[in-house]
N, C-alpha and C. Protein backbone atom coordinates (compact mmCIF):
# COMPACT_ATOMS: atom_id res chain seq x y z
N UNK A 1 -16.09 1.03 -22.08
CA UNK A 1 -15.95 2.58 -22.14
C UNK A 1 -15.19 2.55 -20.29
N UNK A 2 -14.13 3.55 -20.70
CA UNK A 2 -13.66 3.66 -19.34
C UNK A 2 -14.14 5.55 -18.98
N UNK A 3 -14.27 5.85 -17.88
CA UNK A 3 -14.45 6.73 -17.17
C UNK A 3 -14.48 8.02 -17.87
N UNK A 4 -14.91 9.21 -18.25
CA UNK A 4 -14.28 10.21 -18.82
C UNK A 4 -13.64 11.31 -18.48
N UNK A 5 -12.37 11.58 -19.45
CA UNK A 5 -11.54 12.42 -18.75
C UNK A 5 -11.34 13.56 -17.87
N UNK A 6 -10.68 13.29 -16.49
CA UNK A 6 -10.84 14.37 -15.37
C UNK A 6 -10.22 14.06 -15.00
N UNK A 7 -10.64 14.68 -13.45
CA UNK A 7 -9.19 14.60 -12.54
C UNK A 7 -10.51 13.86 -11.45
N UNK A 8 -10.07 13.06 -10.30
CA UNK A 8 -11.25 12.48 -9.72
C UNK A 8 -10.12 11.65 -8.58
N UNK A 9 -11.08 12.11 -7.10
CA UNK A 9 -10.50 11.74 -5.70
C UNK A 9 -10.80 10.37 -5.54
N UNK A 10 -9.97 9.90 -4.71
CA UNK A 10 -10.32 8.61 -3.63
C UNK A 10 -9.62 9.35 -1.99
N UNK A 11 -10.11 8.17 -1.51
CA UNK A 11 -10.09 8.27 -0.07
C UNK A 11 -10.64 7.26 0.15
N UNK A 12 -10.47 7.41 2.21
CA UNK A 12 -11.43 6.21 2.84
C UNK A 12 -13.34 5.96 2.58
N UNK A 13 -13.38 7.13 2.24
CA UNK A 13 -15.14 7.66 1.95
C UNK A 13 -15.33 7.14 0.93
N UNK A 14 -14.55 6.92 -0.16
CA UNK A 14 -14.82 5.96 -1.72
C UNK A 14 -14.22 4.60 -2.06
N UNK A 15 -13.22 4.41 -0.76
CA UNK A 15 -12.29 3.34 -1.01
C UNK A 15 -11.40 2.68 -0.56
N UNK A 16 -10.46 1.68 -0.33
CA UNK A 16 -8.88 1.26 0.93
C UNK A 16 -8.69 1.20 0.03
N UNK A 17 -7.45 1.23 1.20
CA UNK A 17 -5.93 1.64 0.93
C UNK A 17 -5.68 0.50 1.87
N UNK A 18 -4.72 -0.39 1.45
CA UNK A 18 -4.14 -1.49 2.60
C UNK A 18 -2.87 -2.22 2.27
N UNK A 19 -2.13 -2.45 3.37
CA UNK A 19 -0.80 -3.04 3.28
C UNK A 19 -0.82 -4.74 3.18
N UNK A 20 0.03 -5.86 2.67
CA UNK A 20 0.28 -6.77 3.13
C UNK A 20 0.91 -7.09 3.41
N UNK A 21 1.38 -7.80 4.35
CA UNK A 21 2.92 -8.57 4.48
C UNK A 21 2.88 -9.32 4.48
N UNK A 22 4.09 -10.35 4.46
CA UNK A 22 3.98 -11.79 4.82
C UNK A 22 5.26 -11.80 5.27
N UNK A 23 5.35 -13.41 5.91
CA UNK A 23 6.53 -13.49 7.79
C UNK A 23 7.37 -14.22 6.81
N UNK A 24 8.78 -14.72 7.10
CA UNK A 24 9.12 -15.99 6.20
C UNK A 24 10.76 -16.02 7.98
N UNK A 25 11.22 -17.04 8.00
CA UNK A 25 11.66 -17.25 8.71
C UNK A 25 11.99 -18.35 9.70
N UNK A 26 13.17 -19.05 9.85
CA UNK A 26 12.65 -20.39 10.72
C UNK A 26 11.78 -20.53 11.68
N UNK A 27 11.24 -19.36 12.47
CA UNK A 27 9.79 -19.57 13.71
C UNK A 27 8.93 -19.87 12.46
N UNK A 28 8.68 -19.26 11.06
CA UNK A 28 7.59 -17.86 10.49
C UNK A 28 5.78 -19.09 10.53
N UNK A 29 5.90 -19.79 10.82
CA UNK A 29 4.94 -20.48 11.69
C UNK A 29 4.13 -20.10 12.79
N UNK A 30 5.07 -19.59 14.10
CA UNK A 30 4.44 -18.84 15.20
C UNK A 30 3.59 -17.46 14.36
N UNK A 31 4.13 -16.49 13.54
CA UNK A 31 3.66 -15.07 12.81
C UNK A 31 2.70 -15.16 12.74
N UNK A 32 1.92 -13.93 11.60
CA UNK A 32 1.00 -13.57 10.61
C UNK A 32 1.39 -13.16 9.67
N UNK A 33 0.65 -13.62 8.89
CA UNK A 33 0.70 -12.04 7.03
C UNK A 33 -0.53 -11.67 7.66
N UNK A 34 -0.35 -9.87 7.90
CA UNK A 34 -1.26 -9.12 7.98
C UNK A 34 -1.69 -8.28 6.78
N UNK A 35 -3.38 -8.22 6.50
CA UNK A 35 -3.62 -7.57 5.96
C UNK A 35 -3.92 -6.07 6.80
N UNK A 36 -3.31 -4.53 6.43
CA UNK A 36 -3.54 -3.43 7.34
C UNK A 36 -3.87 -2.12 6.65
N UNK A 37 -4.57 -2.30 7.00
CA UNK A 37 -5.79 -0.59 6.62
C UNK A 37 -5.24 0.61 6.84
N UNK A 38 -4.92 1.20 5.70
CA UNK A 38 -4.91 2.95 6.53
C UNK A 38 -6.65 3.35 6.36
N UNK A 39 -6.45 4.01 7.32
CA UNK A 39 -8.05 5.23 8.09
C UNK A 39 -7.27 6.71 7.13
N UNK A 40 -6.16 7.35 7.46
CA UNK A 40 -6.39 8.70 6.64
C UNK A 40 -5.53 8.96 5.33
N UNK A 41 -5.91 8.74 4.10
CA UNK A 41 -5.18 8.55 3.07
C UNK A 41 -6.28 10.00 1.97
N UNK A 42 -5.04 10.02 1.10
CA UNK A 42 -6.58 10.67 -0.51
C UNK A 42 -5.29 10.62 -2.08
N UNK A 43 -5.45 10.34 -2.48
CA UNK A 43 -5.25 10.23 -3.60
C UNK A 43 -6.29 11.16 -4.56
N UNK A 44 -5.38 11.57 -5.55
CA UNK A 44 -6.74 12.68 -7.05
C UNK A 44 -5.58 10.97 -7.89
N UNK A 45 -6.73 11.22 -9.04
CA UNK A 45 -6.26 10.42 -10.13
C UNK A 45 -7.23 11.30 -11.37
N UNK A 46 -6.14 12.24 -12.03
CA UNK A 46 -6.39 12.64 -13.35
C UNK A 46 -6.20 11.87 -14.65
N UNK A 47 -7.06 11.88 -15.31
CA UNK A 47 -7.40 10.81 -16.48
C UNK A 47 -7.10 11.85 -18.07
N UNK A 48 -6.71 10.75 -18.75
CA UNK A 48 -6.51 12.27 -19.80
C UNK A 48 -6.75 11.43 -21.28
N UNK A 49 -7.23 11.62 -22.17
CA UNK A 49 -7.94 11.12 -23.51
C UNK A 49 -6.75 9.69 -24.40
N UNK A 50 -5.21 10.38 -23.18
CA UNK A 50 -4.70 9.15 -23.60
C UNK A 50 -4.04 8.15 -22.52
N UNK A 51 -4.12 7.23 -22.15
CA UNK A 51 -2.88 7.01 -20.21
C UNK A 51 -1.65 8.14 -20.41
N UNK A 52 -0.95 8.31 -21.79
CA UNK A 52 0.42 9.16 -20.86
C UNK A 52 0.33 10.62 -20.68
N UNK A 53 -1.29 10.66 -21.01
CA UNK A 53 -1.37 12.25 -20.63
C UNK A 53 -2.36 12.18 -18.76
N UNK A 54 -1.72 11.09 -18.05
CA UNK A 54 -3.46 10.64 -17.12
C UNK A 54 -1.94 11.04 -15.98
N UNK A 55 -1.98 10.98 -14.45
CA UNK A 55 -1.15 11.21 -13.76
C UNK A 55 -1.87 10.81 -12.76
N UNK A 56 -1.25 9.40 -11.07
CA UNK A 56 -1.73 9.94 -10.17
C UNK A 56 -0.89 10.00 -8.80
N UNK A 57 -1.56 11.10 -7.96
CA UNK A 57 -0.75 11.12 -6.78
C UNK A 57 -1.49 11.14 -5.78
N UNK A 58 -0.61 10.72 -4.38
CA UNK A 58 -1.51 9.66 -3.28
C UNK A 58 -0.15 10.39 -2.16
N UNK A 59 -1.28 10.93 -0.41
CA UNK A 59 -0.98 10.51 0.47
C UNK A 59 -1.20 9.87 1.41
N UNK A 60 -0.65 10.19 2.38
CA UNK A 60 -0.75 8.21 3.29
C UNK A 60 -0.82 9.12 4.55
N UNK A 61 -1.43 8.83 5.69
CA UNK A 61 -0.87 9.28 7.41
C UNK A 61 -0.23 8.11 8.49
N UNK A 62 1.17 7.93 8.08
CA UNK A 62 1.61 6.71 8.32
C UNK A 62 1.06 6.12 9.54
N UNK A 63 0.50 6.73 10.63
CA UNK A 63 0.38 6.91 11.81
C UNK A 63 -1.96 6.30 12.26
N UNK A 64 -1.86 6.73 11.01
CA UNK A 64 -3.59 5.95 10.14
C UNK A 64 -3.54 4.36 11.04
N UNK A 65 -2.68 3.05 10.49
CA UNK A 65 -2.70 2.18 10.10
C UNK A 65 -3.01 1.50 11.37
N UNK A 66 -4.03 0.29 10.51
CA UNK A 66 -4.69 -0.29 12.06
C UNK A 66 -4.69 -1.77 11.22
N UNK A 67 -4.61 -2.67 12.25
CA UNK A 67 -4.41 -3.82 11.10
C UNK A 67 -6.10 -4.57 11.23
N UNK A 68 -6.62 -5.29 10.70
CA UNK A 68 -8.01 -5.42 10.35
C UNK A 68 -7.52 -7.21 10.09
N UNK A 69 -6.66 -7.78 10.43
CA UNK A 69 -6.39 -9.05 9.40
C UNK A 69 -5.34 -9.64 9.85
N UNK A 70 -5.39 -10.73 10.44
CA UNK A 70 -3.85 -12.16 10.92
C UNK A 70 -4.44 -12.90 10.32
N UNK A 71 -3.51 -13.60 9.17
CA UNK A 71 -3.81 -14.85 9.05
C UNK A 71 -2.59 -16.11 9.33
N UNK A 72 -2.40 -17.40 9.16
CA UNK A 72 -1.05 -17.84 9.81
C UNK A 72 -1.43 -18.00 11.05
N UNK A 73 -0.09 -18.66 11.51
CA UNK A 73 -0.07 -17.89 12.88
C UNK A 73 -0.37 -19.97 13.91
N UNK A 74 0.03 -19.54 14.92
CA UNK A 74 -0.25 -20.39 15.30
C UNK A 74 -1.60 -20.64 16.58
N UNK A 75 -1.53 -19.19 16.75
CA UNK A 75 -2.84 -18.79 16.98
C UNK A 75 -3.60 -17.49 16.65
N UNK A 76 -5.41 -17.29 16.24
CA UNK A 76 -5.87 -16.88 16.26
C UNK A 76 -4.76 -15.01 16.72
N UNK A 77 -5.11 -13.55 16.24
CA UNK A 77 -4.53 -12.19 16.34
C UNK A 77 -5.70 -12.42 18.19
N UNK A 78 -5.77 -11.68 18.62
CA UNK A 78 -6.28 -11.37 19.84
C UNK A 78 -6.20 -9.39 20.03
N UNK A 79 -7.03 -8.15 19.95
CA UNK A 79 -7.34 -7.22 20.23
C UNK A 79 -6.29 -6.99 20.11
N UNK A 80 -5.75 -7.21 20.91
CA UNK A 80 -4.85 -6.66 22.17
C UNK A 80 -2.93 -7.38 21.41
N UNK A 81 -2.86 -8.00 20.58
CA UNK A 81 -2.42 -8.55 19.59
C UNK A 81 -1.79 -7.28 18.38
N UNK A 82 -3.28 -6.97 17.63
CA UNK A 82 -4.03 -6.19 17.17
C UNK A 82 -2.20 -4.62 17.71
N UNK A 83 -3.64 -4.40 18.65
CA UNK A 83 -2.71 -3.55 19.55
C UNK A 83 -1.32 -2.97 19.15
N UNK A 84 -0.71 -3.65 19.65
CA UNK A 84 0.97 -3.85 20.06
C UNK A 84 1.27 -3.83 19.30
N UNK A 85 0.83 -4.81 17.21
CA UNK A 85 1.19 -4.33 16.50
C UNK A 85 1.45 -3.17 15.73
N UNK A 86 -0.04 -2.76 15.59
CA UNK A 86 -0.11 -1.62 15.06
C UNK A 86 0.97 0.21 16.21
N UNK A 87 1.27 -0.34 17.50
CA UNK A 87 2.40 0.53 17.87
C UNK A 87 4.16 -0.04 17.47
N UNK A 88 3.89 -1.22 17.53
CA UNK A 88 5.30 -1.24 17.12
C UNK A 88 5.54 -1.04 15.82
N UNK A 89 4.65 -0.87 14.63
CA UNK A 89 4.71 -0.44 13.52
C UNK A 89 4.88 1.94 13.42
N UNK A 90 3.92 2.19 14.62
CA UNK A 90 4.26 3.49 14.55
C UNK A 90 5.32 3.80 15.29
N UNK A 91 6.29 2.86 15.93
CA UNK A 91 7.33 3.59 17.13
C UNK A 91 8.46 3.38 16.46
N UNK A 92 8.23 1.62 15.69
CA UNK A 92 9.28 1.16 15.58
C UNK A 92 9.81 1.27 14.48
N UNK A 93 8.88 1.53 13.72
CA UNK A 93 8.59 1.09 12.11
C UNK A 93 8.97 2.25 11.23
N UNK A 94 7.38 3.15 10.95
CA UNK A 94 6.90 3.65 10.14
C UNK A 94 7.54 5.08 11.42
N UNK A 95 7.16 5.07 12.49
CA UNK A 95 7.53 6.35 13.15
C UNK A 95 6.97 7.69 13.36
N UNK A 96 5.51 7.70 12.50
CA UNK A 96 5.00 8.72 12.00
C UNK A 96 6.14 9.71 10.47
N UNK A 97 6.33 8.73 10.21
CA UNK A 97 6.96 9.47 8.69
C UNK A 97 5.79 10.04 7.81
N UNK A 98 6.27 10.92 6.49
CA UNK A 98 4.88 11.22 5.89
C UNK A 98 5.23 9.93 4.39
N UNK A 99 4.40 9.44 4.07
CA UNK A 99 3.67 8.45 2.84
C UNK A 99 3.33 9.70 1.99
N UNK A 100 4.39 9.17 0.79
CA UNK A 100 3.59 9.62 -0.30
C UNK A 100 3.49 9.73 -1.97
N UNK A 101 2.96 9.63 -2.53
CA UNK A 101 3.19 8.79 -4.32
C UNK A 101 3.44 9.99 -5.22
N UNK A 102 4.09 10.37 -6.09
CA UNK A 102 3.75 11.06 -7.53
C UNK A 102 4.35 10.41 -9.10
N UNK A 103 3.33 10.60 -9.06
CA UNK A 103 3.83 9.62 -10.92
C UNK A 103 4.37 10.40 -11.68
N UNK A 104 5.43 9.86 -12.38
CA UNK A 104 5.96 10.11 -13.33
C UNK A 104 5.82 9.75 -14.88
N UNK A 105 5.27 8.81 -14.35
CA UNK A 105 4.33 7.57 -16.12
C UNK A 105 3.54 7.22 -16.11
N UNK A 106 2.44 7.39 -16.78
CA UNK A 106 1.43 6.21 -16.82
C UNK A 106 1.58 5.80 -18.92
N UNK A 107 1.58 4.51 -18.81
CA UNK A 107 1.45 3.93 -19.45
C UNK A 107 -0.14 2.38 -19.29
N UNK A 108 -0.52 3.38 -20.94
CA UNK A 108 -1.39 1.88 -21.23
C UNK A 108 -0.81 0.22 -21.10
N UNK A 109 -1.58 -0.70 -21.06
CA UNK A 109 -1.85 -2.26 -21.12
C UNK A 109 -2.44 -2.38 -22.14
N UNK A 110 -1.21 -3.43 -22.47
CA UNK A 110 -2.55 -3.78 -24.06
C UNK A 110 -4.20 -3.88 -23.31
N UNK A 111 -4.80 -4.65 -22.02
CA UNK A 111 -5.63 -5.45 -21.28
C UNK A 111 -6.39 -4.16 -20.95
N UNK A 112 -5.60 -3.14 -20.97
CA UNK A 112 -6.72 -1.15 -21.21
C UNK A 112 -6.02 -0.98 -20.03
N UNK A 113 -5.62 -1.78 -18.76
CA UNK A 113 -5.12 -1.47 -17.52
C UNK A 113 -4.32 -0.59 -17.69
N UNK A 114 -3.43 0.38 -16.83
CA UNK A 114 -2.39 1.61 -16.66
C UNK A 114 -1.56 0.73 -16.28
N UNK A 115 0.11 0.85 -15.75
CA UNK A 115 0.41 0.75 -15.17
C UNK A 115 1.39 2.57 -14.47
N UNK A 116 1.24 2.34 -13.67
CA UNK A 116 1.73 4.55 -13.01
C UNK A 116 3.05 4.06 -12.37
N UNK A 117 4.18 4.72 -13.07
CA UNK A 117 5.11 4.69 -12.29
C UNK A 117 5.69 5.81 -11.34
N UNK A 118 6.37 5.88 -10.56
CA UNK A 118 6.76 7.15 -10.15
C UNK A 118 7.62 6.98 -8.55
N UNK A 119 7.46 8.32 -7.87
CA UNK A 119 8.43 8.08 -6.64
C UNK A 119 7.31 8.61 -5.99
N UNK A 120 7.98 7.44 -4.51
CA UNK A 120 7.83 6.96 -3.42
C UNK A 120 8.31 7.27 -2.51
N UNK A 121 7.77 8.35 -1.26
CA UNK A 121 8.41 9.33 -0.43
C UNK A 121 8.01 8.43 0.60
N UNK A 122 8.74 7.38 1.40
CA UNK A 122 8.23 7.11 2.84
C UNK A 122 9.48 6.79 3.02
N UNK A 123 9.81 7.44 4.58
CA UNK A 123 11.19 7.41 5.90
C UNK A 123 11.88 8.44 5.54
N UNK A 124 11.55 8.89 4.98
CA UNK A 124 12.75 10.62 4.74
C UNK A 124 13.39 10.14 2.67
N UNK A 125 13.04 9.09 2.37
CA UNK A 125 14.31 7.72 1.24
C UNK A 125 12.87 8.23 -0.11
N UNK A 126 13.09 8.63 -1.20
CA UNK A 126 12.83 8.58 -2.30
C UNK A 126 13.15 7.09 -3.06
N UNK A 127 12.04 6.24 -3.82
CA UNK A 127 12.30 5.09 -4.32
C UNK A 127 11.04 4.93 -5.72
N UNK A 128 12.14 4.46 -6.59
CA UNK A 128 10.54 4.25 -7.85
C UNK A 128 9.36 2.51 -7.66
N UNK A 129 8.55 2.79 -8.12
CA UNK A 129 7.51 2.03 -7.45
C UNK A 129 6.34 2.16 -8.39
N UNK A 130 5.62 0.90 -8.77
CA UNK A 130 5.08 1.32 -10.04
C UNK A 130 3.88 0.57 -9.46
N UNK A 131 2.17 1.10 -10.41
CA UNK A 131 1.26 -0.03 -9.75
C UNK A 131 0.88 0.48 -10.76
N UNK A 132 0.00 -1.17 -10.87
CA UNK A 132 -0.38 -1.46 -11.78
C UNK A 132 -2.34 -1.66 -12.07
N UNK A 133 -2.88 -0.71 -12.40
CA UNK A 133 -3.87 -0.53 -12.28
C UNK A 133 -5.13 -0.87 -12.95
N UNK A 134 -6.19 -1.37 -13.06
CA UNK A 134 -7.61 -1.71 -13.24
C UNK A 134 -8.16 -0.22 -13.36
N UNK A 135 -8.39 0.27 -14.29
CA UNK A 135 -9.60 0.63 -14.51
C UNK A 135 -11.53 0.92 -15.62
N UNK A 136 -11.89 0.33 -14.38
CA UNK A 136 -13.20 -0.30 -15.04
C UNK A 136 -14.34 0.85 -15.58
N UNK A 137 -15.34 0.53 -16.65
CA UNK A 137 -16.16 0.80 -17.16
C UNK A 137 -17.36 1.71 -15.95
N UNK A 138 -17.35 1.71 -14.43
CA UNK A 138 -17.99 2.03 -13.78
C UNK A 138 -17.58 3.13 -13.33
N UNK A 139 -16.09 3.36 -12.77
CA UNK A 139 -15.02 4.17 -12.72
C UNK A 139 -14.21 3.30 -11.65
N UNK A 140 -14.23 1.89 -10.93
CA UNK A 140 -13.56 1.76 -10.36
C UNK A 140 -12.47 1.30 -10.75
N UNK A 141 -11.29 1.99 -9.51
CA UNK A 141 -10.18 0.90 -9.73
C UNK A 141 -9.62 0.60 -8.57
N UNK A 142 -9.16 -0.48 -8.85
CA UNK A 142 -8.28 -1.19 -8.54
C UNK A 142 -6.60 -1.71 -8.77
N UNK A 143 -5.47 -1.90 -7.75
CA UNK A 143 -4.43 -2.35 -8.20
C UNK A 143 -3.48 -3.03 -7.14
N UNK A 144 -2.50 -3.23 -7.52
CA UNK A 144 -1.50 -3.13 -6.20
C UNK A 144 -0.15 -3.08 -6.29
N UNK A 145 0.97 -2.81 -5.92
CA UNK A 145 3.17 -2.30 -6.37
C UNK A 145 3.33 -2.66 -5.32
N UNK A 146 4.27 -3.70 -5.14
CA UNK A 146 5.15 -4.17 -4.09
C UNK A 146 6.52 -3.03 -4.05
N UNK A 147 6.50 -2.96 -2.43
CA UNK A 147 7.12 -2.64 -2.29
C UNK A 147 8.57 -2.88 -1.31
N UNK A 148 9.73 -2.09 -1.88
CA UNK A 148 10.64 -3.01 -0.77
C UNK A 148 11.88 -2.45 0.19
N UNK A 149 11.38 -2.70 1.69
CA UNK A 149 11.06 -1.82 2.76
C UNK A 149 12.50 -1.58 2.71
N UNK A 150 13.59 -2.72 2.63
CA UNK A 150 14.97 -2.33 3.01
C UNK A 150 15.51 -0.47 1.17
N UNK A 151 14.98 -0.46 0.58
CA UNK A 151 15.26 0.36 -0.21
C UNK A 151 14.70 1.95 0.36
N UNK A 152 13.87 1.67 1.52
CA UNK A 152 13.79 2.37 1.98
C UNK A 152 14.72 3.38 3.51
N UNK A 153 15.45 2.15 3.03
CA UNK A 153 15.78 2.20 4.92
C UNK A 153 15.80 1.86 6.46
N UNK A 154 14.55 0.98 5.50
CA UNK A 154 14.02 0.20 6.65
C UNK A 154 14.50 -1.25 6.59
N UNK A 155 14.12 -1.51 8.06
CA UNK A 155 14.97 -2.95 8.71
C UNK A 155 13.22 -3.51 8.60
N UNK A 156 12.72 -4.92 7.83
CA UNK A 156 12.41 -5.39 7.96
C UNK A 156 11.50 -6.12 9.64
N UNK A 157 10.47 -5.19 10.29
CA UNK A 157 10.44 -6.00 12.04
C UNK A 157 10.81 -7.56 11.58
N UNK A 158 11.82 -8.12 13.47
CA UNK A 158 12.00 -9.53 12.90
C UNK A 158 11.44 -9.43 15.03
N UNK A 159 11.32 -11.02 15.12
CA UNK A 159 11.34 -10.75 16.81
C UNK A 159 11.89 -12.78 16.39
N UNK A 160 12.22 -13.06 18.28
CA UNK A 160 13.26 -14.81 18.30
C UNK A 160 14.69 -14.19 17.76
N UNK A 161 14.75 -13.48 17.95
CA UNK A 161 16.20 -13.63 17.70
C UNK A 161 17.01 -13.28 15.91
N UNK A 162 15.83 -12.67 15.15
CA UNK A 162 15.45 -13.09 13.72
C UNK A 162 15.20 -14.38 12.90
N UNK A 163 14.60 -15.17 13.73
CA UNK A 163 13.65 -16.20 13.28
C UNK A 163 12.70 -16.57 12.41
N UNK A 164 12.10 -14.83 13.28
CA UNK A 164 10.98 -14.77 13.08
C UNK A 164 11.11 -12.96 12.29
N UNK A 165 10.24 -12.81 10.97
CA UNK A 165 10.45 -12.04 10.27
C UNK A 165 9.50 -11.36 9.40
N UNK A 166 9.11 -10.19 9.48
CA UNK A 166 8.43 -9.53 7.87
C UNK A 166 8.78 -9.78 6.76
N UNK A 167 8.56 -10.19 5.96
CA UNK A 167 9.57 -9.91 4.21
C UNK A 167 9.89 -8.69 4.26
N UNK A 168 10.45 -8.29 3.57
CA UNK A 168 11.39 -6.95 2.80
C UNK A 168 10.09 -6.58 1.66
N UNK A 169 9.87 -7.87 1.02
CA UNK A 169 8.32 -6.76 0.05
C UNK A 169 6.96 -6.99 1.01
N UNK A 170 6.62 -5.81 0.63
CA UNK A 170 5.19 -6.10 1.01
C UNK A 170 4.12 -5.30 0.11
N UNK A 171 3.46 -5.43 -0.01
CA UNK A 171 2.05 -5.00 -1.73
C UNK A 171 1.21 -4.21 -0.72
N UNK A 172 0.81 -2.88 -1.78
CA UNK A 172 0.06 -1.90 -1.04
C UNK A 172 -1.43 -1.77 -2.27
N UNK A 173 -2.26 -1.74 -1.76
CA UNK A 173 -3.10 -2.32 -2.85
C UNK A 173 -4.55 -1.51 -2.16
N UNK A 174 -5.01 -1.01 -3.76
CA UNK A 174 -6.23 0.32 -3.06
C UNK A 174 -7.25 0.01 -4.72
N UNK A 175 -8.12 -0.54 -3.72
CA UNK A 175 -9.58 -0.45 -4.59
C UNK A 175 -10.90 0.44 -3.94
N UNK A 176 -11.25 1.41 -5.23
CA UNK A 176 -12.16 2.01 -4.82
C UNK A 176 -12.95 3.38 -6.08
N UNK A 177 -13.61 3.54 -5.84
CA UNK A 177 -14.80 4.11 -6.50
C UNK A 177 -14.20 5.30 -7.57
N UNK A 178 -13.58 5.64 -8.16
CA UNK A 178 -13.66 6.92 -8.96
C UNK A 178 -14.79 7.85 -8.35
N UNK A 179 -14.35 9.27 -7.73
CA UNK A 179 -15.74 10.24 -7.40
C UNK A 179 -15.17 11.35 -7.75
C-alpha cells in the first residue's frame, strides 16, 4: 500500500538532498569523490490516483551546499579542504545560481517505482532530467538523477592543468519521508 493520494512536502527536516561527484584524468588519484549535501531546499510531491496524475517540484539554494564526505585521494580531506571546495563551488561553479526542477511527466515502472521527468533550471539554462524514485509504503521516497554539467553551460572543475577533473556527470539523490 503506497501513501494516499495528496500533496506532500520534503525538505531538510524530513530528508537529505545530496550531490555526488567523481573524478577523472591522469591525476585522478590525487583528488576525491565528493558527497555534498544541500542545506536549504524544498520539494513538493503530488501523488495522484495513478502515476500520470502525479507531479514533483524542487528548489534548492546553491549557496547552501556543504561537502560532507570525500573518498579516495592521496590524503583525507581536512576541514580547510572542505571549506575551500565549498567556496570554489559557490564562487566559480554555481555562482549562487537558482536551482529549480518541475516535472512534466510521471510514469509508473513495473516495480511500482516512479520515473519523474521534467526540466531542471540551473546556471540560467534549462535541460531535461529524469529522477527514478521509489516510494515506500511508509512514505519514504528515495532515488536519483544523473545531471551532465555541460548541458547547463558549466565547465566541470579541473586542476593541475586539466590532469585532475570532476567528471561531467554528477548524481543528485533524494532520500526522505513524505510529510
